[in-house]
PDB file of N, CA and C in Angstrom:
ATOM      1  N   UNK A   1      65.003 108.360 110.012  1.00  0.00           N
ATOM      2  CA  UNK A   1      65.629 108.618 108.737  1.00  0.00           C
ATOM      3  C   UNK A   1      65.173 107.547 107.754  1.00  0.00           C
ATOM      4  N   UNK A   2      66.023 107.160 106.871  1.00  0.00           N
ATOM      5  CA  UNK A   2      65.660 106.151 105.882  1.00  0.00           C
ATOM      6  C   UNK A   2      64.592 106.666 104.943  1.00  0.00           C
ATOM      7  N   UNK A   3      63.572 105.879 104.703  1.00  0.00           N
ATOM      8  CA  UNK A   3      62.528 106.275 103.766  1.00  0.00           C
ATOM      9  C   UNK A   3      61.543 107.264 104.371  1.00  0.00           C
ATOM     10  N   UNK A   4      61.687 107.574 105.642  1.00  0.00           N
ATOM     11  CA  UNK A   4      60.770 108.505 106.291  1.00  0.00           C
ATOM     12  C   UNK A   4      61.285 109.937 106.257  1.00  0.00           C
ATOM     13  N   UNK A   5      62.478 110.168 105.798  1.00  0.00           N
ATOM     14  CA  UNK A   5      63.045 111.506 105.810  1.00  0.00           C
ATOM     15  C   UNK A   5      63.474 111.869 107.226  1.00  0.00           C
ATOM     16  N   UNK A   6      63.576 113.150 107.497  1.00  0.00           N
ATOM     17  CA  UNK A   6      63.977 113.579 108.826  1.00  0.00           C
ATOM     18  C   UNK A   6      62.783 113.516 109.765  1.00  0.00           C
ATOM     19  N   UNK A   7      62.988 112.870 110.906  1.00  0.00           N
ATOM     20  CA  UNK A   7      61.925 112.724 111.900  1.00  0.00           C
ATOM     21  C   UNK A   7      62.219 113.694 113.032  1.00  0.00           C
ATOM     22  N   UNK A   8      61.387 114.716 113.143  1.00  0.00           N
ATOM     23  CA  UNK A   8      61.572 115.730 114.181  1.00  0.00           C
ATOM     24  C   UNK A   8      60.579 115.582 115.318  1.00  0.00           C
ATOM     25  N   UNK A   9      59.488 114.904 115.051  1.00  0.00           N
ATOM     26  CA  UNK A   9      58.480 114.705 116.091  1.00  0.00           C
ATOM     27  C   UNK A   9      57.707 113.429 115.777  1.00  0.00           C
ATOM     28  N   UNK A  10      56.829 113.030 116.694  1.00  0.00           N
ATOM     29  CA  UNK A  10      56.020 111.822 116.479  1.00  0.00           C
ATOM     30  C   UNK A  10      55.074 111.974 115.303  1.00  0.00           C
ATOM     31  N   UNK A  11      54.709 113.198 114.989  1.00  0.00           N
ATOM     32  CA  UNK A  11      53.800 113.438 113.865  1.00  0.00           C
ATOM     33  C   UNK A  11      54.464 113.097 112.537  1.00  0.00           C
ATOM     34  N   UNK A  12      55.800 113.071 112.488  1.00  0.00           N
ATOM     35  CA  UNK A  12      56.519 112.750 111.257  1.00  0.00           C
ATOM     36  C   UNK A  12      56.546 111.249 110.965  1.00  0.00           C
ATOM     37  N   UNK A  13      56.223 110.422 111.943  1.00  0.00           N
ATOM     38  CA  UNK A  13      56.199 108.969 111.744  1.00  0.00           C
ATOM     39  C   UNK A  13      54.970 108.568 110.944  1.00  0.00           C
ATOM     40  N   UNK A  14      55.070 107.454 110.190  1.00  0.00           N
ATOM     41  CA  UNK A  14      53.877 106.973 109.481  1.00  0.00           C
ATOM     42  C   UNK A  14      52.853 106.424 110.478  1.00  0.00           C
ATOM     43  N   UNK A  15      51.638 106.205 109.986  1.00  0.00           N
ATOM     44  CA  UNK A  15      50.607 105.667 110.889  1.00  0.00           C
ATOM     45  C   UNK A  15      50.975 104.243 111.305  1.00  0.00           C
ATOM     46  N   UNK A  16      50.297 103.741 112.322  1.00  0.00           N
ATOM     47  CA  UNK A  16      50.635 102.444 112.916  1.00  0.00           C
ATOM     48  C   UNK A  16      50.562 101.291 111.917  1.00  0.00           C
ATOM     49  N   UNK A  17      49.559 101.297 111.047  1.00  0.00           N
ATOM     50  CA  UNK A  17      49.382 100.207 110.084  1.00  0.00           C
ATOM     51  C   UNK A  17      50.562 100.156 109.105  1.00  0.00           C
ATOM     52  N   UNK A  18      50.980 101.302 108.595  1.00  0.00           N
ATOM     53  CA  UNK A  18      52.090 101.340 107.641  1.00  0.00           C
ATOM     54  C   UNK A  18      53.394 100.917 108.320  1.00  0.00           C
ATOM     55  N   UNK A  19      53.603 101.377 109.539  1.00  0.00           N
ATOM     56  CA  UNK A  19      54.808 101.010 110.279  1.00  0.00           C
ATOM     57  C   UNK A  19      54.840  99.513 110.564  1.00  0.00           C
ATOM     58  N   UNK A  20      53.688  98.933 110.945  1.00  0.00           N
ATOM     59  CA  UNK A  20      53.611  97.497 111.204  1.00  0.00           C
ATOM     60  C   UNK A  20      53.887  96.702 109.927  1.00  0.00           C
ATOM     61  N   UNK A  21      53.375  97.175 108.771  1.00  0.00           N
ATOM     62  CA  UNK A  21      53.643  96.498 107.499  1.00  0.00           C
ATOM     63  C   UNK A  21      55.133  96.504 107.169  1.00  0.00           C
ATOM     64  N   UNK A  22      55.788  97.630 107.401  1.00  0.00           N
ATOM     65  CA  UNK A  22      57.213  97.736 107.119  1.00  0.00           C
ATOM     66  C   UNK A  22      58.014  96.809 108.038  1.00  0.00           C
ATOM     67  N   UNK A  23      57.621  96.714 109.304  1.00  0.00           N
ATOM     68  CA  UNK A  23      58.311  95.822 110.237  1.00  0.00           C
ATOM     69  C   UNK A  23      58.132  94.359 109.847  1.00  0.00           C
ATOM     70  N   UNK A  24      56.909  93.988 109.423  1.00  0.00           N
ATOM     71  CA  UNK A  24      56.667  92.617 108.984  1.00  0.00           C
ATOM     72  C   UNK A  24      57.492  92.284 107.739  1.00  0.00           C
ATOM     73  N   UNK A  25      57.577  93.230 106.810  1.00  0.00           N
ATOM     74  CA  UNK A  25      58.357  93.011 105.587  1.00  0.00           C
ATOM     75  C   UNK A  25      59.838  92.851 105.928  1.00  0.00           C
ATOM     76  N   UNK A  26      60.341  93.666 106.858  1.00  0.00           N
ATOM     77  CA  UNK A  26      61.736  93.562 107.269  1.00  0.00           C
ATOM     78  C   UNK A  26      61.994  92.221 107.945  1.00  0.00           C
ATOM     79  N   UNK A  27      61.083  91.765 108.799  1.00  0.00           N
ATOM     80  CA  UNK A  27      61.245  90.475 109.473  1.00  0.00           C
ATOM     81  C   UNK A  27      61.235  89.334 108.456  1.00  0.00           C
ATOM     82  N   UNK A  28      60.403  89.439 107.426  1.00  0.00           N
ATOM     83  CA  UNK A  28      60.353  88.406 106.391  1.00  0.00           C
ATOM     84  C   UNK A  28      61.675  88.363 105.621  1.00  0.00           C
ATOM     85  N   UNK A  29      62.256  89.543 105.339  1.00  0.00           N
ATOM     86  CA  UNK A  29      63.547  89.568 104.639  1.00  0.00           C
ATOM     87  C   UNK A  29      64.644  88.935 105.498  1.00  0.00           C
ATOM     88  N   UNK A  30      64.604  89.211 106.801  1.00  0.00           N
ATOM     89  CA  UNK A  30      65.603  88.631 107.702  1.00  0.00           C
ATOM     90  C   UNK A  30      65.453  87.121 107.750  1.00  0.00           C
ATOM     91  N   UNK A  31      64.223  86.639 107.861  1.00  0.00           N
ATOM     92  CA  UNK A  31      63.978  85.195 107.905  1.00  0.00           C
ATOM     93  C   UNK A  31      64.387  84.508 106.608  1.00  0.00           C
ATOM     94  N   UNK A  32      64.252  85.216 105.486  1.00  0.00           N
ATOM     95  CA  UNK A  32      64.607  84.642 104.193  1.00  0.00           C
ATOM     96  C   UNK A  32      66.111  84.683 103.957  1.00  0.00           C
ATOM     97  N   UNK A  33      66.841  85.390 104.815  1.00  0.00           N
ATOM     98  CA  UNK A  33      68.294  85.470 104.672  1.00  0.00           C
ATOM     99  C   UNK A  33      68.753  86.497 103.663  1.00  0.00           C
ATOM    100  N   UNK A  34      67.893  87.448 103.332  1.00  0.00           N
ATOM    101  CA  UNK A  34      68.266  88.487 102.373  1.00  0.00           C
ATOM    102  C   UNK A  34      69.219  89.463 103.045  1.00  0.00           C
ATOM    103  N   UNK A  35      70.334  89.710 102.411  1.00  0.00           N
ATOM    104  CA  UNK A  35      71.313  90.656 102.924  1.00  0.00           C
ATOM    105  C   UNK A  35      70.997  92.039 102.359  1.00  0.00           C
ATOM    106  N   UNK A  36      70.802  92.997 103.238  1.00  0.00           N
ATOM    107  CA  UNK A  36      70.496  94.345 102.771  1.00  0.00           C
ATOM    108  C   UNK A  36      71.739  95.212 102.695  1.00  0.00           C
ATOM    109  N   UNK A  37      72.751  94.865 103.460  1.00  0.00           N
ATOM    110  CA  UNK A  37      73.988  95.628 103.446  1.00  0.00           C
ATOM    111  C   UNK A  37      74.984  94.924 102.531  1.00  0.00           C
ATOM    112  N   UNK A  38      75.758  95.683 101.757  1.00  0.00           N
ATOM    113  CA  UNK A  38      76.784  95.032 100.946  1.00  0.00           C
ATOM    114  C   UNK A  38      77.858  94.455 101.857  1.00  0.00           C
ATOM    115  N   UNK A  39      78.501  93.376 101.446  1.00  0.00           N
ATOM    116  CA  UNK A  39      79.547  92.785 102.294  1.00  0.00           C
ATOM    117  C   UNK A  39      80.714  93.758 102.444  1.00  0.00           C
ATOM    118  N   UNK A  40      81.324  93.736 103.603  1.00  0.00           N
ATOM    119  CA  UNK A  40      82.479  94.590 103.855  1.00  0.00           C
ATOM    120  C   UNK A  40      83.660  94.089 103.037  1.00  0.00           C
ATOM    121  N   UNK A  41      84.442  95.001 102.504  1.00  0.00           N
ATOM    122  CA  UNK A  41      85.631  94.538 101.784  1.00  0.00           C
ATOM    123  C   UNK A  41      86.627  93.942 102.770  1.00  0.00           C
ATOM    124  N   UNK A  42      87.310  92.911 102.334  1.00  0.00           N
ATOM    125  CA  UNK A  42      88.290  92.264 103.201  1.00  0.00           C
ATOM    126  C   UNK A  42      89.490  93.183 103.374  1.00  0.00           C
ATOM    127  N   UNK A  43      90.005  93.196 104.582  1.00  0.00           N
ATOM    128  CA  UNK A  43      91.181  93.998 104.871  1.00  0.00           C
ATOM    129  C   UNK A  43      92.393  93.261 104.319  1.00  0.00           C
ATOM    130  N   UNK A  44      93.134  93.953 103.480  1.00  0.00           N
ATOM    131  CA  UNK A  44      94.304  93.302 102.902  1.00  0.00           C
ATOM    132  C   UNK A  44      95.412  93.256 103.942  1.00  0.00           C
ATOM    133  N   UNK A  45      96.060  92.132 104.029  1.00  0.00           N
ATOM    134  CA  UNK A  45      97.136  91.963 104.984  1.00  0.00           C
ATOM    135  C   UNK A  45      98.446  92.425 104.360  1.00  0.00           C
ATOM    136  N   UNK A  46      99.324  92.899 105.214  1.00  0.00           N
ATOM    137  CA  UNK A  46     100.623  93.330 104.738  1.00  0.00           C
ATOM    138  C   UNK A  46     101.402  92.105 104.282  1.00  0.00           C
ATOM    139  N   UNK A  47     102.204  92.266 103.250  1.00  0.00           N
ATOM    140  CA  UNK A  47     102.974  91.106 102.774  1.00  0.00           C
ATOM    141  C   UNK A  47     104.002  90.668 103.813  1.00  0.00           C
ATOM    142  N   UNK A  48     104.233  89.389 103.869  1.00  0.00           N
ATOM    143  CA  UNK A  48     105.226  88.829 104.792  1.00  0.00           C
ATOM    144  C   UNK A  48     106.624  89.206 104.294  1.00  0.00           C
ATOM    145  N   UNK A  49     107.455  89.673 105.219  1.00  0.00           N
ATOM    146  CA  UNK A  49     108.826  90.038 104.876  1.00  0.00           C
ATOM    147  C   UNK A  49     109.761  89.025 105.537  1.00  0.00           C
ATOM    148  N   UNK A  50     110.538  88.299 104.764  1.00  0.00           N
ATOM    149  CA  UNK A  50     111.477  87.347 105.385  1.00  0.00           C
ATOM    150  C   UNK A  50     112.589  88.103 106.110  1.00  0.00           C
ATOM    151  N   UNK A  51     113.101  87.508 107.168  1.00  0.00           N
ATOM    152  CA  UNK A  51     114.178  88.129 107.937  1.00  0.00           C
ATOM    153  C   UNK A  51     115.472  88.007 107.135  1.00  0.00           C
ATOM    154  N   UNK A  52     116.102  89.150 106.769  1.00  0.00           N
ATOM    155  CA  UNK A  52     117.343  89.086 105.996  1.00  0.00           C
ATOM    156  C   UNK A  52     118.461  88.422 106.808  1.00  0.00           C
ATOM    157  N   UNK A  53     119.383  87.803 106.110  1.00  0.00           N
ATOM    158  CA  UNK A  53     120.467  87.061 106.767  1.00  0.00           C
ATOM    159  C   UNK A  53     121.342  87.970 107.624  1.00  0.00           C
ATOM    160  N   UNK A  54     121.639  89.189 107.147  1.00  0.00           N
ATOM    161  CA  UNK A  54     122.498  90.080 107.924  1.00  0.00           C
ATOM    162  C   UNK A  54     121.811  90.570 109.197  1.00  0.00           C
ATOM    163  N   UNK A  55     120.509  90.752 109.142  1.00  0.00           N
ATOM    164  CA  UNK A  55     119.771  91.152 110.340  1.00  0.00           C
ATOM    165  C   UNK A  55     119.671  89.971 111.308  1.00  0.00           C
ATOM    166  N   UNK A  56     119.464  88.788 110.768  1.00  0.00           N
ATOM    167  CA  UNK A  56     119.402  87.581 111.611  1.00  0.00           C
ATOM    168  C   UNK A  56     120.741  87.376 112.334  1.00  0.00           C
ATOM    169  N   UNK A  57     121.857  87.621 111.630  1.00  0.00           N
ATOM    170  CA  UNK A  57     123.182  87.479 112.239  1.00  0.00           C
ATOM    171  C   UNK A  57     123.383  88.514 113.346  1.00  0.00           C
ATOM    172  N   UNK A  58     122.902  89.754 113.131  1.00  0.00           N
ATOM    173  CA  UNK A  58     123.038  90.794 114.160  1.00  0.00           C
ATOM    174  C   UNK A  58     122.223  90.440 115.395  1.00  0.00           C
ATOM    175  N   UNK A  59     121.060  89.856 115.207  1.00  0.00           N
ATOM    176  CA  UNK A  59     120.247  89.442 116.346  1.00  0.00           C
ATOM    177  C   UNK A  59     120.898  88.266 117.076  1.00  0.00           C
ATOM    178  N   UNK A  60     121.519  87.377 116.325  1.00  0.00           N
ATOM    179  CA  UNK A  60     122.142  86.197 116.931  1.00  0.00           C
ATOM    180  C   UNK A  60     123.337  86.585 117.810  1.00  0.00           C
ATOM    181  N   UNK A  61     124.002  87.697 117.482  1.00  0.00           N
ATOM    182  CA  UNK A  61     125.132  88.146 118.299  1.00  0.00           C
ATOM    183  C   UNK A  61     124.705  88.615 119.679  1.00  0.00           C
ATOM    184  N   UNK A  62     123.427  89.020 119.801  1.00  0.00           N
ATOM    185  CA  UNK A  62     122.901  89.481 121.088  1.00  0.00           C
ATOM    186  C   UNK A  62     121.687  88.622 121.430  1.00  0.00           C
ATOM    187  N   UNK A  63     121.850  87.638 122.300  1.00  0.00           N
ATOM    188  CA  UNK A  63     120.732  86.735 122.609  1.00  0.00           C
ATOM    189  C   UNK A  63     119.493  87.455 123.160  1.00  0.00           C
ATOM    190  N   UNK A  64     119.706  88.526 123.923  1.00  0.00           N
ATOM    191  CA  UNK A  64     118.533  89.240 124.455  1.00  0.00           C
ATOM    192  C   UNK A  64     117.753  89.908 123.327  1.00  0.00           C
ATOM    193  N   UNK A  65     118.468  90.381 122.293  1.00  0.00           N
ATOM    194  CA  UNK A  65     117.786  90.992 121.151  1.00  0.00           C
ATOM    195  C   UNK A  65     116.998  89.948 120.374  1.00  0.00           C
ATOM    196  N   UNK A  66     117.589  88.777 120.211  1.00  0.00           N
ATOM    197  CA  UNK A  66     116.901  87.723 119.472  1.00  0.00           C
ATOM    198  C   UNK A  66     115.646  87.271 120.219  1.00  0.00           C
ATOM    199  N   UNK A  67     115.744  87.121 121.523  1.00  0.00           N
ATOM    200  CA  UNK A  67     114.582  86.709 122.318  1.00  0.00           C
ATOM    201  C   UNK A  67     113.500  87.782 122.297  1.00  0.00           C
ATOM    202  N   UNK A  68     113.901  89.040 122.390  1.00  0.00           N
ATOM    203  CA  UNK A  68     112.922  90.131 122.370  1.00  0.00           C
ATOM    204  C   UNK A  68     112.238  90.214 121.011  1.00  0.00           C
ATOM    205  N   UNK A  69     113.016  90.061 119.926  1.00  0.00           N
ATOM    206  CA  UNK A  69     112.439  90.134 118.583  1.00  0.00           C
ATOM    207  C   UNK A  69     111.423  89.024 118.373  1.00  0.00           C
ATOM    208  N   UNK A  70     111.737  87.830 118.847  1.00  0.00           N
ATOM    209  CA  UNK A  70     110.810  86.703 118.691  1.00  0.00           C
ATOM    210  C   UNK A  70     109.561  86.880 119.544  1.00  0.00           C
ATOM    211  N   UNK A  71     109.662  87.648 120.630  1.00  0.00           N
ATOM    212  CA  UNK A  71     108.487  87.857 121.483  1.00  0.00           C
ATOM    213  C   UNK A  71     107.610  89.004 120.994  1.00  0.00           C
ATOM    214  N   UNK A  72     108.121  89.815 120.054  1.00  0.00           N
ATOM    215  CA  UNK A  72     107.326  90.921 119.514  1.00  0.00           C
ATOM    216  C   UNK A  72     106.116  90.379 118.760  1.00  0.00           C
ATOM    217  N   UNK A  73     105.098  91.214 118.657  1.00  0.00           N
ATOM    218  CA  UNK A  73     103.930  90.855 117.853  1.00  0.00           C
ATOM    219  C   UNK A  73     104.331  90.869 116.375  1.00  0.00           C
ATOM    220  N   UNK A  74     103.565  90.210 115.519  1.00  0.00           N
ATOM    221  CA  UNK A  74     103.909  90.209 114.093  1.00  0.00           C
ATOM    222  C   UNK A  74     103.996  91.621 113.500  1.00  0.00           C
ATOM    223  N   UNK A  75     103.138  92.525 113.956  1.00  0.00           N
ATOM    224  CA  UNK A  75     103.190  93.881 113.410  1.00  0.00           C
ATOM    225  C   UNK A  75     104.461  94.603 113.845  1.00  0.00           C
ATOM    226  N   UNK A  76     104.915  94.376 115.065  1.00  0.00           N
ATOM    227  CA  UNK A  76     106.148  95.017 115.540  1.00  0.00           C
ATOM    228  C   UNK A  76     107.348  94.473 114.772  1.00  0.00           C
ATOM    229  N   UNK A  77     107.371  93.167 114.523  1.00  0.00           N
ATOM    230  CA  UNK A  77     108.463  92.588 113.727  1.00  0.00           C
ATOM    231  C   UNK A  77     108.432  93.139 112.305  1.00  0.00           C
ATOM    232  N   UNK A  78     107.212  93.245 111.730  1.00  0.00           N
ATOM    233  CA  UNK A  78     107.055  93.739 110.361  1.00  0.00           C
ATOM    234  C   UNK A  78     107.580  95.161 110.250  1.00  0.00           C
ATOM    235  N   UNK A  79     107.329  96.011 111.251  1.00  0.00           N
ATOM    236  CA  UNK A  79     107.806  97.393 111.193  1.00  0.00           C
ATOM    237  C   UNK A  79     109.326  97.455 111.122  1.00  0.00           C
ATOM    238  N   UNK A  80     110.006  96.651 111.937  1.00  0.00           N
ATOM    239  CA  UNK A  80     111.473  96.619 111.880  1.00  0.00           C
ATOM    240  C   UNK A  80     111.950  96.094 110.530  1.00  0.00           C
ATOM    241  N   UNK A  81     111.371  94.999 110.069  1.00  0.00           N
ATOM    242  CA  UNK A  81     111.815  94.404 108.809  1.00  0.00           C
ATOM    243  C   UNK A  81     111.571  95.341 107.631  1.00  0.00           C
ATOM    244  N   UNK A  82     110.445  96.028 107.626  1.00  0.00           N
ATOM    245  CA  UNK A  82     110.150  96.975 106.556  1.00  0.00           C
ATOM    246  C   UNK A  82     111.144  98.124 106.574  1.00  0.00           C
ATOM    247  N   UNK A  83     111.471  98.618 107.761  1.00  0.00           N
ATOM    248  CA  UNK A  83     112.413  99.720 107.893  1.00  0.00           C
ATOM    249  C   UNK A  83     113.796  99.319 107.380  1.00  0.00           C
ATOM    250  N   UNK A  84     114.217  98.120 107.724  1.00  0.00           N
ATOM    251  CA  UNK A  84     115.551  97.663 107.318  1.00  0.00           C
ATOM    252  C   UNK A  84     115.606  97.374 105.823  1.00  0.00           C
ATOM    253  N   UNK A  85     114.602  96.679 105.300  1.00  0.00           N
ATOM    254  CA  UNK A  85     114.650  96.298 103.879  1.00  0.00           C
ATOM    255  C   UNK A  85     114.348  97.460 102.945  1.00  0.00           C
ATOM    256  N   UNK A  86     113.815  98.561 103.459  1.00  0.00           N
ATOM    257  CA  UNK A  86     113.520  99.700 102.587  1.00  0.00           C
ATOM    258  C   UNK A  86     114.730 100.609 102.388  1.00  0.00           C
ATOM    259  N   UNK A  87     115.843 100.320 103.072  1.00  0.00           N
ATOM    260  CA  UNK A  87     117.059 101.119 102.891  1.00  0.00           C
ATOM    261  C   UNK A  87     117.584 100.925 101.470  1.00  0.00           C
ATOM    262  N   UNK A  88     117.970 102.020 100.831  1.00  0.00           N
ATOM    263  CA  UNK A  88     118.432 101.936  99.445  1.00  0.00           C
ATOM    264  C   UNK A  88     119.939 101.722  99.351  1.00  0.00           C
ATOM    265  N   UNK A  89     120.682 102.216 100.322  1.00  0.00           N
ATOM    266  CA  UNK A  89     122.139 102.070 100.302  1.00  0.00           C
ATOM    267  C   UNK A  89     122.562 101.061 101.354  1.00  0.00           C
ATOM    268  N   UNK A  90     123.654 100.355 101.083  1.00  0.00           N
ATOM    269  CA  UNK A  90     124.171  99.362 102.029  1.00  0.00           C
ATOM    270  C   UNK A  90     124.590 100.009 103.347  1.00  0.00           C
ATOM    271  N   UNK A  91     125.151 101.226 103.261  1.00  0.00           N
ATOM    272  CA  UNK A  91     125.570 101.917 104.480  1.00  0.00           C
ATOM    273  C   UNK A  91     124.373 102.201 105.380  1.00  0.00           C
ATOM    274  N   UNK A  92     123.291 102.635 104.756  1.00  0.00           N
ATOM    275  CA  UNK A  92     122.073 102.928 105.516  1.00  0.00           C
ATOM    276  C   UNK A  92     121.518 101.656 106.130  1.00  0.00           C
ATOM    277  N   UNK A  93     121.526 100.598 105.359  1.00  0.00           N
ATOM    278  CA  UNK A  93     121.004  99.319 105.851  1.00  0.00           C
ATOM    279  C   UNK A  93     121.824  98.824 107.040  1.00  0.00           C
ATOM    280  N   UNK A  94     123.147  98.911 106.950  1.00  0.00           N
ATOM    281  CA  UNK A  94     124.014  98.462 108.051  1.00  0.00           C
ATOM    282  C   UNK A  94     123.775  99.314 109.301  1.00  0.00           C
ATOM    283  N   UNK A  95     123.613 100.610 109.102  1.00  0.00           N
ATOM    284  CA  UNK A  95     123.357 101.506 110.233  1.00  0.00           C
ATOM    285  C   UNK A  95     122.019 101.164 110.889  1.00  0.00           C
ATOM    286  N   UNK A  96     121.000 100.919 110.076  1.00  0.00           N
ATOM    287  CA  UNK A  96     119.677 100.580 110.614  1.00  0.00           C
ATOM    288  C   UNK A  96     119.704  99.246 111.354  1.00  0.00           C
ATOM    289  N   UNK A  97     120.442  98.281 110.829  1.00  0.00           N
ATOM    290  CA  UNK A  97     120.527  96.979 111.491  1.00  0.00           C
ATOM    291  C   UNK A  97     121.179  97.121 112.851  1.00  0.00           C
ATOM    292  N   UNK A  98     122.276  97.881 112.923  1.00  0.00           N
ATOM    293  CA  UNK A  98     122.964  98.076 114.201  1.00  0.00           C
ATOM    294  C   UNK A  98     122.058  98.808 115.197  1.00  0.00           C
ATOM    295  N   UNK A  99     121.378  99.835 114.714  1.00  0.00           N
ATOM    296  CA  UNK A  99     120.485 100.601 115.588  1.00  0.00           C
ATOM    297  C   UNK A  99     119.312  99.744 116.054  1.00  0.00           C
ATOM    298  N   UNK A 100     118.745  98.965 115.136  1.00  0.00           N
ATOM    299  CA  UNK A 100     117.613  98.111 115.473  1.00  0.00           C
ATOM    300  C   UNK A 100     118.009  97.050 116.486  1.00  0.00           C
ATOM    301  N   UNK A 101     119.182  96.460 116.317  1.00  0.00           N
ATOM    302  CA  UNK A 101     119.630  95.422 117.250  1.00  0.00           C
ATOM    303  C   UNK A 101     119.750  95.986 118.664  1.00  0.00           C
ATOM    304  N   UNK A 102     120.245  97.203 118.786  1.00  0.00           N
ATOM    305  CA  UNK A 102     120.352  97.839 120.099  1.00  0.00           C
ATOM    306  C   UNK A 102     118.998  98.119 120.719  1.00  0.00           C
ATOM    307  N   UNK A 103     118.081  98.654 119.905  1.00  0.00           N
ATOM    308  CA  UNK A 103     116.738  98.956 120.415  1.00  0.00           C
ATOM    309  C   UNK A 103     116.007  97.680 120.816  1.00  0.00           C
ATOM    310  N   UNK A 104     116.134  96.657 119.982  1.00  0.00           N
ATOM    311  CA  UNK A 104     115.434  95.403 120.264  1.00  0.00           C
ATOM    312  C   UNK A 104     115.992  94.765 121.527  1.00  0.00           C
ATOM    313  N   UNK A 105     117.302  94.848 121.737  1.00  0.00           N
ATOM    314  CA  UNK A 105     117.907  94.296 122.952  1.00  0.00           C
ATOM    315  C   UNK A 105     117.336  94.970 124.196  1.00  0.00           C
ATOM    316  N   UNK A 106     116.944  96.245 124.063  1.00  0.00           N
ATOM    317  CA  UNK A 106     116.324  96.973 125.171  1.00  0.00           C
ATOM    318  C   UNK A 106     114.820  96.723 125.251  1.00  0.00           C
ATOM    319  N   UNK A 107     114.283  95.946 124.301  1.00  0.00           N
ATOM    320  CA  UNK A 107     112.860  95.622 124.292  1.00  0.00           C
ATOM    321  C   UNK A 107     111.998  96.701 123.672  1.00  0.00           C
ATOM    322  N   UNK A 108     112.608  97.596 122.892  1.00  0.00           N
ATOM    323  CA  UNK A 108     111.868  98.718 122.305  1.00  0.00           C
ATOM    324  C   UNK A 108     111.300  98.338 120.950  1.00  0.00           C
ATOM    325  N   UNK A 109     110.067  98.780 120.717  1.00  0.00           N
ATOM    326  CA  UNK A 109     109.462  98.600 119.402  1.00  0.00           C
ATOM    327  C   UNK A 109     110.035  99.634 118.447  1.00  0.00           C
ATOM    328  N   UNK A 110     109.734  99.510 117.175  1.00  0.00           N
ATOM    329  CA  UNK A 110     110.327 100.375 116.145  1.00  0.00           C
ATOM    330  C   UNK A 110     110.085 101.857 116.424  1.00  0.00           C
ATOM    331  N   UNK A 111     108.883 102.256 116.712  1.00  0.00           N
ATOM    332  CA  UNK A 111     108.567 103.674 116.937  1.00  0.00           C
ATOM    333  C   UNK A 111     108.409 103.954 118.424  1.00  0.00           C
ATOM    334  N   UNK A 112     109.339 103.469 119.224  1.00  0.00           N
ATOM    335  CA  UNK A 112     109.253 103.597 120.675  1.00  0.00           C
ATOM    336  C   UNK A 112     109.300 105.042 121.109  1.00  0.00           C
ATOM    337  N   UNK A 113     109.886 105.922 120.347  1.00  0.00           N
ATOM    338  CA  UNK A 113     109.984 107.339 120.725  1.00  0.00           C
ATOM    339  C   UNK A 113     108.618 107.999 120.817  1.00  0.00           C
ATOM    340  N   UNK A 114     107.649 107.470 120.054  1.00  0.00           N
ATOM    341  CA  UNK A 114     106.348 108.109 119.958  1.00  0.00           C
ATOM    342  C   UNK A 114     105.282 107.403 120.793  1.00  0.00           C
ATOM    343  N   UNK A 115     105.648 106.318 121.443  1.00  0.00           N
ATOM    344  CA  UNK A 115     104.692 105.609 122.304  1.00  0.00           C
ATOM    345  C   UNK A 115     104.615 106.298 123.642  1.00  0.00           C
ATOM    346  N   UNK A 116     103.473 106.225 124.244  1.00  0.00           N
ATOM    347  CA  UNK A 116     103.293 106.828 125.568  1.00  0.00           C
ATOM    348  C   UNK A 116     103.260 105.758 126.618  1.00  0.00           C
TER     349      UNK A 116
END
């Protein structure tokens, strides 16, 4: 492919001299440090979510939940925190905190229902 178009057989390749010239030119670019590919965009990280005081208190009431939450990976902790802080009503937030504390005490991640 590339500048040669579609290569279906050996006859589609350029002659040996032209191919050798292209390889030498490519090696010279590599030695010179020329970048031919654009740099990959950096992956943006999710914003850090502080642990709300009411959720911290619910975890503190159950030591096994607190230990399990601290042992979770950062992404697993972030999923719980995002779920809790995205609640719009206080009733919903309280319900989510109680439910999360129970799941965490059992060692379950946020979307444990869908894990295999």
